[in-house]
């Protein structure tokens, strides 16, 4: 309770830190960034602004972005250019952390949108 937070955006990050890296299938080289709200029943709720999450995770040096299934769905419909090596973990509820499914971000954004670029595509460069 000594953790000060504003809003509900840190809920998922706090829950994942309590669960612990070994239970999440992480190794010493993994650095995750969590983006989501946690409901009372353990459901992971989306925060939207997925491009903001990608930018923040990249700047923080994370190699995995954990977010809600609804935000994952938003992400899969976006026209993004991304050249990094980040993985995405989409969660509907906290129970799914025991066997997380990882996707390459470049696979998520390249398979589901039209090959015709939008007039102003968003571009992200992986920072290391």
C-alpha atoms as a PDB file:
ATOM      1  CA  UNK A   1       0.000   0.000   0.000  1.00  0.00           C
ATOM      2  CA  UNK A   2       3.010   2.292  -0.119  1.00  0.00           C
ATOM      3  CA  UNK A   3       2.715   2.327  -3.920  1.00  0.00           C
ATOM      4  CA  UNK A   4       1.194   5.591  -5.065  1.00  0.00           C
ATOM      5  CA  UNK A   5      -0.698   5.413  -8.322  1.00  0.00           C
ATOM      6  CA  UNK A   6      -3.039   7.664 -10.214  1.00  0.00           C
ATOM      7  CA  UNK A   7      -5.960   6.063 -12.008  1.00  0.00           C
ATOM      8  CA  UNK A   8      -6.244   2.408 -12.857  1.00  0.00           C
ATOM      9  CA  UNK A   9      -3.591   2.101 -15.563  1.00  0.00           C
ATOM     10  CA  UNK A  10      -1.024   0.570 -13.204  1.00  0.00           C
ATOM     11  CA  UNK A  11      -3.315  -2.251 -12.039  1.00  0.00           C
ATOM     12  CA  UNK A  12      -1.991  -4.855 -14.454  1.00  0.00           C
ATOM     13  CA  UNK A  13       1.646  -3.948 -13.809  1.00  0.00           C
ATOM     14  CA  UNK A  14       1.182  -4.246 -10.050  1.00  0.00           C
ATOM     15  CA  UNK A  15      -0.605  -7.591 -10.378  1.00  0.00           C
ATOM     16  CA  UNK A  16       2.105  -8.987 -12.665  1.00  0.00           C
ATOM     17  CA  UNK A  17       4.841  -7.905 -10.272  1.00  0.00           C
ATOM     18  CA  UNK A  18       3.064  -9.686  -7.424  1.00  0.00           C
ATOM     19  CA  UNK A  19       2.699 -12.867  -9.500  1.00  0.00           C
ATOM     20  CA  UNK A  20       6.433 -12.804 -10.229  1.00  0.00           C
ATOM     21  CA  UNK A  21       8.617 -13.337 -13.260  1.00  0.00           C
ATOM     22  CA  UNK A  22       9.131 -17.097 -12.847  1.00  0.00           C
ATOM     23  CA  UNK A  23       5.367 -17.721 -12.865  1.00  0.00           C
ATOM     24  CA  UNK A  24       5.025 -15.591 -16.016  1.00  0.00           C
ATOM     25  CA  UNK A  25       7.548 -17.644 -17.986  1.00  0.00           C
ATOM     26  CA  UNK A  26      10.125 -14.847 -18.071  1.00  0.00           C
ATOM     27  CA  UNK A  27      13.886 -15.116 -17.960  1.00  0.00           C
ATOM     28  CA  UNK A  28      16.577 -12.676 -16.806  1.00  0.00           C
ATOM     29  CA  UNK A  29      16.745 -10.950 -20.199  1.00  0.00           C
ATOM     30  CA  UNK A  30      13.020 -10.193 -20.357  1.00  0.00           C
ATOM     31  CA  UNK A  31      11.724  -6.751 -19.569  1.00  0.00           C
ATOM     32  CA  UNK A  32       7.961  -6.306 -19.728  1.00  0.00           C
ATOM     33  CA  UNK A  33       5.705  -3.279 -19.955  1.00  0.00           C
ATOM     34  CA  UNK A  34       2.108  -3.748 -18.775  1.00  0.00           C
ATOM     35  CA  UNK A  35      -0.772  -1.672 -20.148  1.00  0.00           C
ATOM     36  CA  UNK A  36      -4.174  -2.438 -18.693  1.00  0.00           C
ATOM     37  CA  UNK A  37      -6.721  -2.099 -15.956  1.00  0.00           C
ATOM     38  CA  UNK A  38      -7.607  -5.014 -13.712  1.00  0.00           C
ATOM     39  CA  UNK A  39     -11.249  -5.667 -12.856  1.00  0.00           C
ATOM     40  CA  UNK A  40     -12.411  -7.022  -9.506  1.00  0.00           C
ATOM     41  CA  UNK A  41     -13.059 -10.438 -11.073  1.00  0.00           C
ATOM     42  CA  UNK A  42      -9.543 -10.626 -12.533  1.00  0.00           C
ATOM     43  CA  UNK A  43     -10.529  -9.494 -16.025  1.00  0.00           C
ATOM     44  CA  UNK A  44      -7.987  -7.360 -17.872  1.00  0.00           C
ATOM     45  CA  UNK A  45      -9.596  -4.258 -19.345  1.00  0.00           C
ATOM     46  CA  UNK A  46      -8.215  -2.163 -22.155  1.00  0.00           C
ATOM     47  CA  UNK A  47      -6.956   1.369 -21.778  1.00  0.00           C
ATOM     48  CA  UNK A  48      -6.950   2.242 -25.475  1.00  0.00           C
ATOM     49  CA  UNK A  49      -4.191   4.493 -26.811  1.00  0.00           C
ATOM     50  CA  UNK A  50      -2.225   1.426 -27.899  1.00  0.00           C
ATOM     51  CA  UNK A  51       0.305   3.452 -29.890  1.00  0.00           C
ATOM     52  CA  UNK A  52       1.100   5.313 -26.691  1.00  0.00           C
ATOM     53  CA  UNK A  53       1.744   1.965 -24.976  1.00  0.00           C
ATOM     54  CA  UNK A  54       4.111   0.876 -27.759  1.00  0.00           C
ATOM     55  CA  UNK A  55       6.011   4.160 -27.534  1.00  0.00           C
ATOM     56  CA  UNK A  56       6.285   3.980 -23.735  1.00  0.00           C
ATOM     57  CA  UNK A  57       7.347   0.316 -23.793  1.00  0.00           C
ATOM     58  CA  UNK A  58       9.974   1.023 -26.449  1.00  0.00           C
ATOM     59  CA  UNK A  59      11.366   3.995 -24.554  1.00  0.00           C
ATOM     60  CA  UNK A  60      11.490   1.931 -21.363  1.00  0.00           C
ATOM     61  CA  UNK A  61      13.547  -0.734 -23.153  1.00  0.00           C
ATOM     62  CA  UNK A  62      10.916  -3.449 -22.735  1.00  0.00           C
ATOM     63  CA  UNK A  63      10.975  -6.470 -25.018  1.00  0.00           C
ATOM     64  CA  UNK A  64       7.393  -7.526 -24.192  1.00  0.00           C
ATOM     65  CA  UNK A  65       4.177  -5.521 -24.020  1.00  0.00           C
ATOM     66  CA  UNK A  66       1.398  -7.106 -21.950  1.00  0.00           C
ATOM     67  CA  UNK A  67      -2.065  -5.721 -22.636  1.00  0.00           C
ATOM     68  CA  UNK A  68      -5.741  -6.584 -22.732  1.00  0.00           C
ATOM     69  CA  UNK A  69      -7.262  -8.698 -25.473  1.00  0.00           C
ATOM     70  CA  UNK A  70      -9.418  -5.717 -26.449  1.00  0.00           C
ATOM     71  CA  UNK A  71      -6.340  -3.496 -26.882  1.00  0.00           C
ATOM     72  CA  UNK A  72      -4.689  -6.335 -28.844  1.00  0.00           C
ATOM     73  CA  UNK A  73      -7.715  -6.333 -31.156  1.00  0.00           C
ATOM     74  CA  UNK A  74      -7.348  -2.560 -31.644  1.00  0.00           C
ATOM     75  CA  UNK A  75      -3.664  -3.003 -32.378  1.00  0.00           C
ATOM     76  CA  UNK A  76      -4.289  -5.701 -34.979  1.00  0.00           C
ATOM     77  CA  UNK A  77      -6.480  -3.283 -36.973  1.00  0.00           C
ATOM     78  CA  UNK A  78      -3.977  -0.417 -37.010  1.00  0.00           C
ATOM     79  CA  UNK A  79      -1.758   0.565 -39.894  1.00  0.00           C
ATOM     80  CA  UNK A  80       1.618   0.769 -38.148  1.00  0.00           C
ATOM     81  CA  UNK A  81       5.173   0.488 -39.322  1.00  0.00           C
ATOM     82  CA  UNK A  82       7.334  -1.025 -36.597  1.00  0.00           C
ATOM     83  CA  UNK A  83      10.886  -2.295 -36.980  1.00  0.00           C
ATOM     84  CA  UNK A  84      11.595  -3.489 -33.442  1.00  0.00           C
ATOM     85  CA  UNK A  85      11.671  -6.929 -31.865  1.00  0.00           C
ATOM     86  CA  UNK A  86       8.934  -6.520 -29.257  1.00  0.00           C
ATOM     87  CA  UNK A  87       6.591  -9.359 -28.343  1.00  0.00           C
ATOM     88  CA  UNK A  88       2.944  -8.862 -27.413  1.00  0.00           C
ATOM     89  CA  UNK A  89       1.038 -10.798 -24.756  1.00  0.00           C
ATOM     90  CA  UNK A  90      -2.738 -10.370 -24.837  1.00  0.00           C
ATOM     91  CA  UNK A  91      -4.766 -11.225 -21.734  1.00  0.00           C
ATOM     92  CA  UNK A  92      -8.528 -11.476 -21.168  1.00  0.00           C
ATOM     93  CA  UNK A  93      -8.076 -12.272 -17.485  1.00  0.00           C
ATOM     94  CA  UNK A  94      -5.311 -12.671 -14.941  1.00  0.00           C
ATOM     95  CA  UNK A  95      -5.602 -16.477 -14.972  1.00  0.00           C
ATOM     96  CA  UNK A  96      -4.115 -16.483 -18.499  1.00  0.00           C
ATOM     97  CA  UNK A  97      -0.754 -15.358 -17.090  1.00  0.00           C
ATOM     98  CA  UNK A  98       0.055 -18.991 -16.247  1.00  0.00           C
ATOM     99  CA  UNK A  99       0.432 -19.811 -19.970  1.00  0.00           C
ATOM    100  CA  UNK A 100       0.886 -16.529 -21.819  1.00  0.00           C
ATOM    101  CA  UNK A 101       0.734 -16.567 -25.619  1.00  0.00           C
ATOM    102  CA  UNK A 102       3.427 -14.373 -27.169  1.00  0.00           C
ATOM    103  CA  UNK A 103       3.174 -12.750 -30.601  1.00  0.00           C
ATOM    104  CA  UNK A 104       5.751 -10.707 -32.503  1.00  0.00           C
ATOM    105  CA  UNK A 105       4.464  -7.140 -32.800  1.00  0.00           C
ATOM    106  CA  UNK A 106       5.612  -6.979 -36.426  1.00  0.00           C
ATOM    107  CA  UNK A 107       3.434 -10.029 -37.221  1.00  0.00           C
ATOM    108  CA  UNK A 108       0.390  -8.529 -35.527  1.00  0.00           C
ATOM    109  CA  UNK A 109       0.449  -5.210 -37.365  1.00  0.00           C
ATOM    110  CA  UNK A 110       1.499  -6.533 -40.773  1.00  0.00           C
ATOM    111  CA  UNK A 111      -0.927  -9.418 -41.327  1.00  0.00           C
ATOM    112  CA  UNK A 112      -4.210  -7.743 -40.547  1.00  0.00           C
ATOM    113  CA  UNK A 113      -4.171  -4.394 -42.297  1.00  0.00           C
ATOM    114  CA  UNK A 114      -4.446  -3.504 -45.943  1.00  0.00           C
ATOM    115  CA  UNK A 115      -1.146  -3.325 -47.811  1.00  0.00           C
ATOM    116  CA  UNK A 116      -2.185   0.121 -49.046  1.00  0.00           C
ATOM    117  CA  UNK A 117      -0.737   2.587 -46.509  1.00  0.00           C
ATOM    118  CA  UNK A 118      -2.880   5.248 -44.914  1.00  0.00           C
ATOM    119  CA  UNK A 119      -2.106   8.877 -45.826  1.00  0.00           C
ATOM    120  CA  UNK A 120      -0.218   9.407 -42.553  1.00  0.00           C
ATOM    121  CA  UNK A 121       1.062   6.076 -41.175  1.00  0.00           C
ATOM    122  CA  UNK A 122       2.509   6.018 -37.694  1.00  0.00           C
ATOM    123  CA  UNK A 123       6.136   4.940 -37.594  1.00  0.00           C
ATOM    124  CA  UNK A 124       8.035   3.550 -34.598  1.00  0.00           C
ATOM    125  CA  UNK A 125      11.737   2.870 -34.332  1.00  0.00           C
ATOM    126  CA  UNK A 126      12.944   0.452 -31.719  1.00  0.00           C
ATOM    127  CA  UNK A 127      15.218   2.298 -29.283  1.00  0.00           C
ATOM    128  CA  UNK A 128      17.998   0.462 -27.494  1.00  0.00           C
END
